[in-house]
């Protein structure tokens, strides 16, 4: 497993080794013992899987507030997406800064998004699947969002994105009072 730091402290790129032959490949996407050896000690309790049919679908920017805040380990099961994390920890030297990475079924990369960061993505291919692990259970009363176009993110998409009603109505980052502190 290759583990890389990003420009945002705590946000990491994990690239599992793949072992392939004529049938395809095998990859170990998570191993608690190996992660602990790299200082990553997380207890995942829920896996989520979503599919977006259209190119240009944006899901996010989402978070769960304390006491149900979540760390997430995100990967692409099929297709391609541009995955983004935004620091929303009050007092952080990188508050409002974002990091994005292309996750595809082919490259096998994963993005670790810690508590205190918004998470979102845009699809780059039709029928794109995203699979992610979470360290806390979904709690509707802790669920929140920030508007996708208010953080200066270069989504690499010129058209009109496909959004949920929740995402279209989310407040801008400048109007947002974050429940997270650095």
Protein backbone atom coordinates (compact mmCIF):
# COMPACT_ATOMS: atom_id res chain seq x y z
CA UNK A 1 0.00 0.00 0.00
CA UNK A 2 1.37 3.37 -1.00
CA UNK A 3 0.30 6.23 1.30
CA UNK A 4 0.82 9.86 0.28
CA UNK A 5 0.17 13.09 2.17
CA UNK A 6 -1.70 15.87 0.37
CA UNK A 7 -1.68 19.64 0.72
CA UNK A 8 -4.30 19.31 3.50
CA UNK A 9 -3.04 17.81 6.79
CA UNK A 10 -4.80 14.50 7.48
CA UNK A 11 -6.13 14.06 3.95
CA UNK A 12 -4.22 11.16 2.40
CA UNK A 13 -4.06 9.25 -0.87
CA UNK A 14 -3.94 5.48 -0.44
CA UNK A 15 -3.02 3.34 -3.44
CA UNK A 16 -3.33 -0.38 -2.76
CA UNK A 17 -1.10 -2.82 -4.60
CA UNK A 18 -2.85 -4.77 -7.34
CA UNK A 19 -1.99 -8.32 -8.28
CA UNK A 20 -3.25 -9.20 -11.73
CA UNK A 21 -3.38 -11.95 -14.28
CA UNK A 22 -5.53 -12.85 -17.29
CA UNK A 23 -8.64 -12.97 -15.06
CA UNK A 24 -8.28 -9.43 -13.72
CA UNK A 25 -6.78 -8.32 -10.41
CA UNK A 26 -6.91 -8.69 -6.64
CA UNK A 27 -6.37 -5.74 -4.30
CA UNK A 28 -6.55 -5.34 -0.53
CA UNK A 29 -8.32 -1.98 -0.15
CA UNK A 30 -8.22 -1.86 3.67
CA UNK A 31 -6.17 -3.64 6.30
CA UNK A 32 -6.40 -2.25 9.82
CA UNK A 33 -3.05 -3.68 10.96
CA UNK A 34 -1.17 -2.23 7.97
CA UNK A 35 -2.85 1.15 8.38
CA UNK A 36 -1.98 1.28 12.08
CA UNK A 37 1.68 0.71 11.09
CA UNK A 38 1.36 3.99 9.12
CA UNK A 39 -0.33 5.88 11.98
CA UNK A 40 -3.86 5.51 10.60
CA UNK A 41 -6.08 4.10 13.36
CA UNK A 42 -9.71 4.13 12.24
CA UNK A 43 -12.69 2.00 13.16
CA UNK A 44 -15.01 1.84 10.17
CA UNK A 45 -18.62 0.94 10.99
CA UNK A 46 -20.51 1.55 7.74
CA UNK A 47 -19.87 1.10 4.01
CA UNK A 48 -21.75 3.19 1.43
CA UNK A 49 -22.08 2.63 -2.31
CA UNK A 50 -23.69 4.98 -4.80
CA UNK A 51 -23.98 5.06 -8.57
CA UNK A 52 -24.36 8.18 -10.71
CA UNK A 53 -25.67 7.56 -14.20
CA UNK A 54 -24.69 10.85 -15.83
CA UNK A 55 -21.34 12.60 -16.42
CA UNK A 56 -21.29 15.89 -14.52
CA UNK A 57 -23.20 14.66 -11.47
CA UNK A 58 -22.02 16.45 -8.33
CA UNK A 59 -22.68 14.95 -4.91
CA UNK A 60 -21.56 17.23 -2.11
CA UNK A 61 -20.12 19.06 -0.47
CA UNK A 62 -21.25 17.02 2.55
CA UNK A 63 -20.30 16.50 6.20
CA UNK A 64 -21.69 15.01 9.38
CA UNK A 65 -21.36 17.20 12.45
CA UNK A 66 -20.35 15.98 15.90
CA UNK A 67 -21.29 13.84 17.72
CA UNK A 68 -21.64 11.70 14.57
CA UNK A 69 -18.75 13.17 12.56
CA UNK A 70 -17.22 10.73 10.08
CA UNK A 71 -13.82 9.93 8.64
CA UNK A 72 -14.28 8.50 5.13
CA UNK A 73 -12.16 6.30 2.90
CA UNK A 74 -13.38 6.82 -0.66
CA UNK A 75 -12.73 4.82 -3.83
CA UNK A 76 -14.22 4.42 -7.29
CA UNK A 77 -15.64 0.99 -8.12
CA UNK A 78 -16.59 1.74 -11.73
CA UNK A 79 -16.07 4.71 -14.01
CA UNK A 80 -14.23 7.87 -12.97
CA UNK A 81 -14.75 10.77 -10.59
CA UNK A 82 -12.96 13.86 -9.31
CA UNK A 83 -13.04 13.59 -5.52
CA UNK A 84 -12.66 16.66 -3.27
CA UNK A 85 -12.01 17.44 0.40
CA UNK A 86 -12.36 20.97 1.86
CA UNK A 87 -11.02 21.95 5.30
CA UNK A 88 -13.82 23.42 7.48
CA UNK A 89 -12.07 23.33 10.86
CA UNK A 90 -12.34 26.77 12.46
CA UNK A 91 -8.87 28.11 13.26
CA UNK A 92 -7.11 25.80 10.81
CA UNK A 93 -4.35 27.43 8.74
CA UNK A 94 -5.90 25.68 5.72
CA UNK A 95 -9.55 26.59 6.48
CA UNK A 96 -11.47 26.76 3.18
CA UNK A 97 -8.62 25.17 1.18
CA UNK A 98 -9.47 22.19 -1.00
CA UNK A 99 -7.71 19.18 -2.46
CA UNK A 100 -8.97 17.13 -5.38
CA UNK A 101 -7.89 13.91 -7.06
CA UNK A 102 -9.06 11.75 -9.92
CA UNK A 103 -10.29 8.38 -8.65
CA UNK A 104 -10.98 5.72 -11.26
CA UNK A 105 -11.71 2.02 -11.32
CA UNK A 106 -8.44 1.65 -13.21
CA UNK A 107 -6.08 3.65 -10.96
CA UNK A 108 -7.40 2.10 -7.73
CA UNK A 109 -6.56 5.19 -5.69
CA UNK A 110 -8.48 6.01 -2.51
CA UNK A 111 -8.89 9.30 -0.66
CA UNK A 112 -8.95 9.43 3.13
CA UNK A 113 -11.14 12.36 4.22
CA UNK A 114 -10.96 13.03 7.99
CA UNK A 115 -13.60 14.55 10.26
CA UNK A 116 -13.70 18.31 9.85
CA UNK A 117 -13.58 18.24 6.06
CA UNK A 118 -16.31 18.58 3.48
CA UNK A 119 -16.46 15.78 0.93
CA UNK A 120 -17.84 15.82 -2.59
CA UNK A 121 -17.24 14.58 -6.11
CA UNK A 122 -18.16 15.05 -9.74
CA UNK A 123 -18.51 12.14 -12.14
CA UNK A 124 -16.25 11.99 -15.20
CA UNK A 125 -17.80 8.88 -16.78
CA UNK A 126 -21.33 7.51 -17.06
CA UNK A 127 -22.46 4.86 -14.56
CA UNK A 128 -19.79 5.86 -12.04
CA UNK A 129 -19.82 4.05 -8.71
CA UNK A 130 -18.31 5.41 -5.51
CA UNK A 131 -17.69 3.15 -2.52
CA UNK A 132 -16.68 4.52 0.85
CA UNK A 133 -16.16 3.46 4.43
CA UNK A 134 -17.29 5.64 7.36
CA UNK A 135 -16.23 5.73 11.01
CA UNK A 136 -19.70 6.62 12.28
CA UNK A 137 -23.25 5.74 11.31
CA UNK A 138 -25.38 8.04 9.19
CA UNK A 139 -27.27 10.45 11.47
CA UNK A 140 -29.83 12.62 9.64
CA UNK A 141 -29.83 15.23 12.44
CA UNK A 142 -26.04 15.70 12.00
CA UNK A 143 -26.10 15.78 8.19
CA UNK A 144 -25.03 19.00 6.47
CA UNK A 145 -23.80 20.48 3.23
CA UNK A 146 -22.04 23.52 1.76
CA UNK A 147 -22.75 24.74 -1.77
CA UNK A 148 -20.54 23.05 -4.38
CA UNK A 149 -19.59 26.31 -6.16
CA UNK A 150 -18.68 28.40 -3.10
CA UNK A 151 -15.21 27.06 -2.27
CA UNK A 152 -13.27 27.98 -5.40
CA UNK A 153 -12.99 24.36 -6.55
CA UNK A 154 -11.96 23.78 -10.15
CA UNK A 155 -14.32 20.91 -10.94
CA UNK A 156 -12.97 20.64 -14.50
CA UNK A 157 -16.48 20.72 -15.94
CA UNK A 158 -17.94 23.44 -18.14
CA UNK A 159 -21.58 22.34 -18.30
CA UNK A 160 -24.41 22.60 -15.82
CA UNK A 161 -23.90 19.90 -13.16
CA UNK A 162 -26.65 17.54 -12.08
CA UNK A 163 -27.43 18.26 -8.40
CA UNK A 164 -29.82 17.04 -5.73
CA UNK A 165 -32.26 19.56 -4.23
CA UNK A 166 -30.29 19.40 -0.97
CA UNK A 167 -27.01 20.26 -2.70
CA UNK A 168 -28.54 23.04 -4.81
CA UNK A 169 -30.01 24.67 -1.66
CA UNK A 170 -26.90 24.32 0.56
CA UNK A 171 -25.43 27.54 2.02
CA UNK A 172 -22.24 29.06 0.65
CA UNK A 173 -19.01 28.54 2.59
CA UNK A 174 -18.92 32.27 3.46
CA UNK A 175 -22.35 31.91 5.17
CA UNK A 176 -21.52 28.62 6.89
CA UNK A 177 -20.84 28.33 10.64
CA UNK A 178 -18.71 25.21 10.95
CA UNK A 179 -19.23 22.86 13.91
CA UNK A 180 -15.55 21.79 13.70
CA UNK A 181 -12.49 23.37 15.35
CA UNK A 182 -8.82 22.85 14.64
